[in-house]
Amino acid sequence: MKSYTSIVLWAGLILFLMGCQADNEVKTIKLAHGLDVNHSVHKALVKMGEDLEEISKGKMTVEIYPNQQLGTERQIVELLQIGSLDMTKVSAATLENFAPKTRVLGLPYLFRDREHSFKVFDGPIGEELLNDGKKYWLKGLGFYDAGSRSFYTKEKAIESPGDLKGQKIRVMPSVTAMEMVRGFGGSPTPISWGELYTSLQQGVVDGAENNPPSFYLSKHYEICKYYSLNEHTFSPDIILVATHFWDKLSEEEQSWLQQAVDASVVYQRQLWAKAEAESLEAVQKAGVKISRPDKSLFSKETERVYEKYKADETLSKLIQQIKAVE
C-alpha cells in the first residue's frame, strides 16, 4: 500500500512539474526580413519584440534575422508556408504572388495620397487583404508605411513616360510592377534586392524604382544620380505570420502578438516620415539631382494597366471600393 501511495505521489509530482514547465515555456518567434538594420522597418520590428516580451511577461520573444540572412523575400515567404519560419515583413509586390487580392496594392496612382492609403490599410478593406493569404498558410497582421515609389536612373532624369523608352528598369518580381513599367514604355527587369547594386554597376539595368529610404540605405545613389519623384505607387510593407505558427497560439497569445504589431505600426510610420525627409536630404548632398515631374503625365499612361483588371470581378470591385474611401 505504501509503495502504491509513493508511486501515485511521484506520478502526481511529475505531472505537476510538467505542467509548470509548460506554463513557463517561452515561445520564441523566428522572424526574418531583407532590409538593413538601420531601416525603420527593422527598428519597428525590434520594438515589436520588446513590446511583446513586456505584454506577455516574458512568455513570448522575437528573434530577428535581417539583411536577407535567410533568403530573398520570396524565399522567406516560402519558409513561412512550410512552417520553417514564423514571421516576416514582406513587400505587397512580393505577396501578390501568394495572395492574389494584394495585386491591387501595386496599381499605379490608385491612392490619392498617403492619408488615403492609410485609411484603406487600417479599415475593412485592409483587413480583407490581410486575410487573403490564409488559404496559402499566410496571415497578415498589419501594414507598415513604405512611402511612395519613384524612378532613379544612371544617365538621365525621368521627366515623362517617354524618358523610360529603351530603359531597363529593375522591378520586384511582380506582374503589376512589370505591367506598369511596360505601360510607361520601359523594359521591366525583375532582379532580387540583394543583387541590384551590382546589376546597376555592371549595366544589367539602367535604373530602378523605390522609396527614398531604400534608395539611400542601399547606396544606390552612388551609381544613380537622378531621382525623379513621380510617386507612382504607395505599395505598403506587410507584417506576415505563418498560420502554422498562429494557429498553435492561444487566443491570449494571439492578442498579445497583435497588440505588439499594432503598436509597432504606429511607431514605424513615425520613423518612416523622419527617415524619408533625411534620406532625400542625404542623397541630394551626395550629388543626386532630385526632380518632381508632372504626375499627370504618368497617370494618363496607366489606363491600359487598369483595363486589364476590368475582366477580374474581384479586383475590379476592390479598385472601386478603394477609390471610394474618403
Protein backbone atom coordinates (compact mmCIF):
# COMPACT_ATOMS: atom_id res chain seq x y z
CA MET A 1 0.00 0.00 0.00
CA LYS A 2 2.84 2.31 0.96
CA SER A 3 4.61 1.51 -2.31
CA TYR A 4 1.44 2.24 -4.32
CA THR A 5 0.93 5.54 -2.47
CA SER A 6 4.54 6.56 -3.23
CA ILE A 7 4.07 5.81 -6.93
CA VAL A 8 0.89 7.91 -7.03
CA LEU A 9 2.64 10.79 -5.23
CA TRP A 10 5.64 10.63 -7.58
CA ALA A 11 3.38 10.48 -10.62
CA GLY A 12 1.44 13.49 -9.36
CA LEU A 13 4.64 15.40 -8.70
CA ILE A 14 5.96 14.65 -12.22
CA LEU A 15 2.67 15.76 -13.80
CA PHE A 16 2.74 18.93 -11.69
CA LEU A 17 6.33 19.74 -12.74
CA MET A 18 5.48 19.06 -16.38
CA GLY A 19 2.54 21.43 -16.09
CA CYS A 20 4.74 24.11 -14.53
CA GLN A 21 7.30 23.65 -17.28
CA ALA A 22 4.61 24.01 -19.96
CA ASP A 23 3.22 27.14 -18.26
CA ASN A 24 6.69 28.70 -18.06
CA GLU A 25 7.77 27.72 -21.56
CA VAL A 26 8.91 30.73 -23.62
CA LYS A 27 7.69 30.89 -27.21
CA THR A 28 10.41 32.32 -29.45
CA ILE A 29 9.16 33.74 -32.76
CA LYS A 30 11.68 33.47 -35.57
CA LEU A 31 11.31 36.49 -37.87
CA ALA A 32 13.36 37.24 -40.99
CA HIS A 33 13.40 40.14 -43.44
CA GLY A 34 15.59 41.54 -46.21
CA LEU A 35 16.27 45.09 -45.02
CA ASP A 36 19.18 46.87 -43.36
CA VAL A 37 19.25 47.16 -39.54
CA ASN A 38 19.12 50.97 -39.87
CA HIS A 39 15.82 50.81 -41.75
CA SER A 40 12.64 51.98 -39.98
CA VAL A 41 11.11 48.54 -40.59
CA HIS A 42 13.87 46.75 -38.66
CA LYS A 43 13.69 49.28 -35.81
CA ALA A 44 9.92 48.84 -35.61
CA LEU A 45 10.26 45.04 -35.56
CA VAL A 46 12.76 45.35 -32.71
CA LYS A 47 10.23 47.45 -30.81
CA MET A 48 7.54 44.90 -31.57
CA GLY A 49 9.69 42.19 -29.98
CA GLU A 50 10.36 44.32 -26.90
CA ASP A 51 6.68 45.18 -26.50
CA LEU A 52 5.64 41.55 -26.95
CA GLU A 53 8.05 40.41 -24.27
CA GLU A 54 6.67 43.04 -21.90
CA ILE A 55 2.99 42.36 -22.71
CA SER A 56 3.44 38.60 -22.32
CA LYS A 57 5.57 38.98 -19.19
CA GLY A 58 8.43 37.15 -20.87
CA LYS A 59 6.37 34.27 -22.26
CA MET A 60 6.92 35.33 -25.87
CA THR A 61 10.05 36.72 -27.54
CA VAL A 62 11.14 37.58 -31.09
CA GLU A 63 14.40 36.53 -32.76
CA ILE A 64 15.15 38.70 -35.83
CA TYR A 65 17.26 37.78 -38.88
CA PRO A 66 17.72 40.92 -41.07
CA ASN A 67 19.62 41.62 -44.31
CA GLN A 68 18.39 38.58 -46.27
CA GLN A 69 20.24 36.25 -43.89
CA LEU A 70 17.61 33.59 -44.57
CA GLY A 71 16.99 34.41 -48.24
CA THR A 72 15.12 36.79 -50.51
CA GLU A 73 11.61 38.00 -49.67
CA ARG A 74 10.05 35.29 -51.83
CA GLN A 75 12.22 32.56 -50.25
CA ILE A 76 11.35 33.80 -46.76
CA VAL A 77 7.62 33.69 -47.53
CA GLU A 78 8.04 30.13 -48.78
CA LEU A 79 9.75 29.26 -45.47
CA LEU A 80 6.65 30.57 -43.68
CA GLN A 81 4.41 28.39 -45.84
CA ILE A 82 6.25 25.19 -44.95
CA GLY A 83 6.44 26.11 -41.27
CA SER A 84 10.22 26.60 -41.10
CA LEU A 85 9.87 30.27 -40.12
CA ASP A 86 7.24 32.15 -38.10
CA MET A 87 7.09 35.76 -39.27
CA THR A 88 8.38 38.24 -41.83
CA LYS A 89 7.98 41.69 -43.34
CA VAL A 90 7.11 41.42 -47.00
CA SER A 91 6.52 43.97 -49.76
CA ALA A 92 2.98 43.93 -51.13
CA ALA A 93 4.51 43.37 -54.58
CA THR A 94 6.09 40.12 -53.42
CA LEU A 95 2.99 38.99 -51.54
CA GLU A 96 0.81 39.30 -54.64
CA ASN A 97 2.49 36.12 -55.93
CA PHE A 98 0.95 34.28 -52.96
CA ALA A 99 -2.25 36.21 -52.16
CA PRO A 100 -3.96 37.35 -55.42
CA LYS A 101 -6.06 40.21 -54.00
CA THR A 102 -2.94 42.08 -52.86
CA ARG A 103 -2.13 42.73 -56.53
CA VAL A 104 -4.41 45.72 -56.21
CA LEU A 105 -1.93 47.45 -53.88
CA GLY A 106 0.68 47.72 -56.62
CA LEU A 107 -1.53 49.57 -59.09
CA PRO A 108 -0.14 52.98 -60.07
CA TYR A 109 -1.90 56.11 -58.83
CA LEU A 110 -4.60 54.10 -57.07
CA PHE A 111 -4.27 56.16 -53.88
CA ARG A 112 -4.80 59.91 -53.87
CA ASP A 113 -2.16 60.46 -51.20
CA ARG A 114 -0.66 58.84 -48.12
CA GLU A 115 -3.61 59.72 -45.90
CA HIS A 116 -5.94 57.94 -48.31
CA SER A 117 -3.70 54.85 -48.31
CA PHE A 118 -3.68 54.68 -44.50
CA LYS A 119 -7.48 54.90 -44.36
CA VAL A 120 -7.63 51.91 -46.70
CA PHE A 121 -4.93 49.88 -44.92
CA ASP A 122 -6.40 50.47 -41.45
CA GLY A 123 -10.02 49.87 -42.43
CA PRO A 124 -12.17 46.92 -43.56
CA ILE A 125 -10.51 46.71 -46.99
CA GLY A 126 -7.14 46.39 -45.32
CA GLU A 127 -8.48 43.66 -43.04
CA GLU A 128 -9.80 41.77 -46.07
CA LEU A 129 -6.41 41.97 -47.77
CA LEU A 130 -4.54 40.86 -44.62
CA ASN A 131 -6.65 37.71 -44.52
CA ASP A 132 -6.40 36.95 -48.23
CA GLY A 133 -3.38 34.68 -47.79
CA LYS A 134 -4.87 32.39 -45.12
CA LYS A 135 -5.61 29.58 -47.58
CA TYR A 136 -1.93 29.80 -48.56
CA TRP A 137 -0.82 29.48 -44.89
CA LEU A 138 -0.12 33.22 -44.53
CA LYS A 139 -1.89 35.73 -42.29
CA GLY A 140 -1.27 39.48 -42.38
CA LEU A 141 -1.16 41.36 -39.08
CA GLY A 142 -0.58 44.95 -40.17
CA PHE A 143 0.68 47.43 -42.75
CA TYR A 144 3.94 49.35 -42.42
CA ASP A 145 4.49 52.55 -44.39
CA ALA A 146 6.76 52.06 -47.41
CA GLY A 147 6.08 55.51 -48.80
CA SER A 148 5.78 56.17 -52.49
CA ARG A 149 7.96 54.59 -55.15
CA SER A 150 9.69 56.66 -57.83
CA PHE A 151 12.27 56.14 -60.58
CA TYR A 152 16.02 56.56 -60.12
CA THR A 153 18.39 56.21 -63.05
CA LYS A 154 22.04 56.42 -64.08
CA GLU A 155 22.08 58.50 -67.25
CA LYS A 156 19.10 60.88 -67.27
CA ALA A 157 16.12 62.08 -65.24
CA ILE A 158 12.70 60.56 -65.94
CA GLU A 159 10.54 63.64 -66.51
CA SER A 160 7.85 61.91 -68.57
CA PRO A 161 6.94 58.33 -69.57
CA GLY A 162 8.76 58.89 -72.87
CA ASP A 163 12.07 59.11 -70.98
CA LEU A 164 11.67 55.45 -69.99
CA LYS A 165 11.74 54.25 -73.58
CA GLY A 166 14.64 51.83 -74.04
CA GLN A 167 15.48 51.95 -70.32
CA LYS A 168 15.87 48.67 -68.44
CA ILE A 169 14.26 49.26 -65.06
CA ARG A 170 14.59 46.87 -62.15
CA VAL A 171 11.26 45.88 -60.62
CA MET A 172 10.25 43.46 -57.91
CA PRO A 173 9.02 40.05 -59.07
CA SER A 174 5.51 41.46 -59.50
CA VAL A 175 3.23 41.18 -62.51
CA THR A 176 1.65 44.52 -61.58
CA ALA A 177 5.01 46.30 -61.39
CA MET A 178 6.11 44.84 -64.73
CA GLU A 179 2.84 45.87 -66.41
CA MET A 180 3.23 49.39 -65.03
CA VAL A 181 6.81 49.93 -66.29
CA ARG A 182 5.90 48.38 -69.63
CA GLY A 183 2.89 50.71 -69.81
CA PHE A 184 5.22 53.68 -69.31
CA GLY A 185 7.40 52.46 -72.20
CA GLY A 186 10.27 50.97 -70.20
CA SER A 187 11.67 47.44 -70.09
CA PRO A 188 10.87 45.86 -66.68
CA THR A 189 13.63 43.60 -65.34
CA PRO A 190 12.94 41.57 -62.17
CA ILE A 191 16.08 41.34 -60.00
CA SER A 192 16.38 40.49 -56.31
CA TRP A 193 17.09 43.42 -53.99
CA GLY A 194 20.42 41.97 -52.84
CA GLU A 195 21.73 41.77 -56.42
CA LEU A 196 20.58 45.22 -57.54
CA TYR A 197 23.66 47.29 -56.59
CA THR A 198 25.93 45.07 -58.68
CA SER A 199 23.38 44.97 -61.52
CA LEU A 200 23.31 48.77 -61.65
CA GLN A 201 27.09 48.88 -61.50
CA GLN A 202 27.51 46.41 -64.35
CA GLY A 203 24.82 47.92 -66.56
CA VAL A 204 22.43 44.97 -66.33
CA VAL A 205 19.77 47.62 -65.67
CA ASP A 206 19.70 51.38 -66.26
CA GLY A 207 17.73 52.20 -63.15
CA ALA A 208 15.14 51.09 -60.62
CA GLU A 209 12.16 52.38 -58.66
CA ASN A 210 11.81 52.62 -54.93
CA ASN A 211 11.17 54.90 -51.97
CA PRO A 212 13.74 57.43 -50.62
CA PRO A 213 14.97 55.47 -47.54
CA SER A 214 15.55 52.32 -49.61
CA PHE A 215 17.36 54.36 -52.29
CA TYR A 216 19.59 55.88 -49.62
CA LEU A 217 20.28 52.89 -47.35
CA SER A 218 21.05 50.61 -50.31
CA LYS A 219 23.64 53.19 -51.50
CA HIS A 220 22.18 53.01 -54.99
CA TYR A 221 22.65 56.80 -55.06
CA GLU A 222 26.38 56.12 -55.53
CA ILE A 223 25.55 54.89 -59.04
CA CYS A 224 22.20 56.51 -59.90
CA LYS A 225 22.47 60.31 -59.88
CA TYR A 226 18.91 61.07 -60.99
CA TYR A 227 15.87 60.62 -58.73
CA SER A 228 12.54 61.57 -60.31
CA LEU A 229 9.76 61.78 -57.70
CA ASN A 230 6.81 60.81 -59.87
CA GLU A 231 5.43 58.75 -56.91
CA HIS A 232 3.65 56.12 -58.99
CA THR A 233 2.67 53.76 -56.15
CA PHE A 234 2.02 53.70 -52.40
CA SER A 235 2.76 50.00 -52.03
CA PRO A 236 2.99 49.05 -48.31
CA ASP A 237 5.04 46.55 -46.39
CA ILE A 238 3.01 43.83 -44.67
CA ILE A 239 3.72 42.00 -41.42
CA LEU A 240 3.04 38.31 -42.03
CA VAL A 241 2.77 35.36 -39.69
CA ALA A 242 2.67 31.73 -40.75
CA THR A 243 -0.70 30.14 -40.00
CA HIS A 244 1.26 27.03 -38.93
CA PHE A 245 2.53 29.15 -36.01
CA TRP A 246 -0.50 31.42 -35.46
CA ASP A 247 -2.97 28.54 -35.13
CA LYS A 248 -0.87 26.99 -32.34
CA LEU A 249 -1.14 30.13 -30.23
CA SER A 250 -3.86 30.52 -27.62
CA GLU A 251 -6.34 33.38 -28.07
CA GLU A 252 -4.48 35.29 -25.37
CA GLU A 253 -1.12 34.80 -27.13
CA GLN A 254 -2.63 35.89 -30.45
CA SER A 255 -3.95 39.01 -28.73
CA TRP A 256 -0.50 39.78 -27.26
CA LEU A 257 1.14 39.47 -30.66
CA GLN A 258 -1.49 41.58 -32.41
CA GLN A 259 -1.15 44.30 -29.75
CA ALA A 260 2.62 44.39 -30.25
CA VAL A 261 2.25 44.57 -34.04
CA ASP A 262 -0.37 47.35 -33.80
CA ALA A 263 1.94 49.45 -31.60
CA SER A 264 4.86 48.86 -33.97
CA VAL A 265 2.77 50.05 -36.94
CA VAL A 266 2.25 53.44 -35.28
CA TYR A 267 5.94 53.63 -34.33
CA GLN A 268 7.19 52.61 -37.79
CA ARG A 269 5.07 55.21 -39.56
CA GLN A 270 6.55 57.92 -37.33
CA LEU A 271 10.07 56.68 -38.04
CA TRP A 272 9.31 56.48 -41.76
CA ALA A 273 8.26 60.12 -42.09
CA LYS A 274 11.52 61.22 -40.48
CA ALA A 275 13.66 58.77 -42.50
CA GLU A 276 12.09 59.88 -45.77
CA ALA A 277 13.00 63.53 -45.24
CA GLU A 278 16.51 62.67 -44.03
CA SER A 279 17.12 60.33 -46.98
CA LEU A 280 16.16 62.90 -49.60
CA GLU A 281 18.44 65.45 -47.95
CA ALA A 282 21.33 62.95 -47.77
CA VAL A 283 21.18 61.81 -51.41
CA GLN A 284 20.92 65.41 -52.58
CA LYS A 285 24.10 66.24 -50.64
CA ALA A 286 25.73 63.22 -52.33
CA GLY A 287 25.15 64.79 -55.74
CA VAL A 288 21.81 63.26 -56.76
CA LYS A 289 19.61 65.54 -58.87
CA ILE A 290 16.07 65.34 -57.49
CA SER A 291 13.22 66.34 -59.77
CA ARG A 292 9.44 66.42 -59.33
CA PRO A 293 7.86 65.67 -62.71
CA ASP A 294 4.21 66.29 -63.55
CA LYS A 295 2.45 63.17 -62.20
CA SER A 296 -0.47 63.60 -64.58
CA LEU A 297 1.83 62.72 -67.49
CA PHE A 298 2.37 59.32 -65.89
CA SER A 299 -1.14 58.70 -64.55
CA LYS A 300 -2.58 59.15 -68.05
CA GLU A 301 -0.48 56.23 -69.23
CA THR A 302 -1.88 53.84 -66.59
CA GLU A 303 -5.29 53.43 -68.23
CA ARG A 304 -4.04 50.41 -70.16
CA VAL A 305 -2.87 48.80 -66.91
CA TYR A 306 -6.33 49.25 -65.33
CA GLU A 307 -8.01 47.99 -68.48
CA LYS A 308 -6.59 44.52 -67.81
CA TYR A 309 -8.31 44.37 -64.42
CA LYS A 310 -11.83 45.09 -65.64
CA ALA A 311 -12.41 41.43 -66.51
CA ASP A 312 -11.46 40.37 -62.97
CA GLU A 313 -14.65 40.91 -60.96
CA THR A 314 -12.96 40.65 -57.55
CA LEU A 315 -10.10 43.07 -58.26
CA SER A 316 -12.31 45.46 -60.21
CA LYS A 317 -14.66 45.69 -57.22
CA LEU A 318 -11.71 46.26 -54.84
CA ILE A 319 -10.40 49.08 -57.03
CA GLN A 320 -13.76 50.84 -56.92
CA GLN A 321 -14.05 50.34 -53.14
CA ILE A 322 -10.56 51.79 -52.56
CA LYS A 323 -11.24 54.81 -54.76
CA ALA A 324 -14.49 55.42 -52.86
CA VAL A 325 -12.79 55.64 -49.44
CA GLU A 326 -12.91 59.23 -48.17
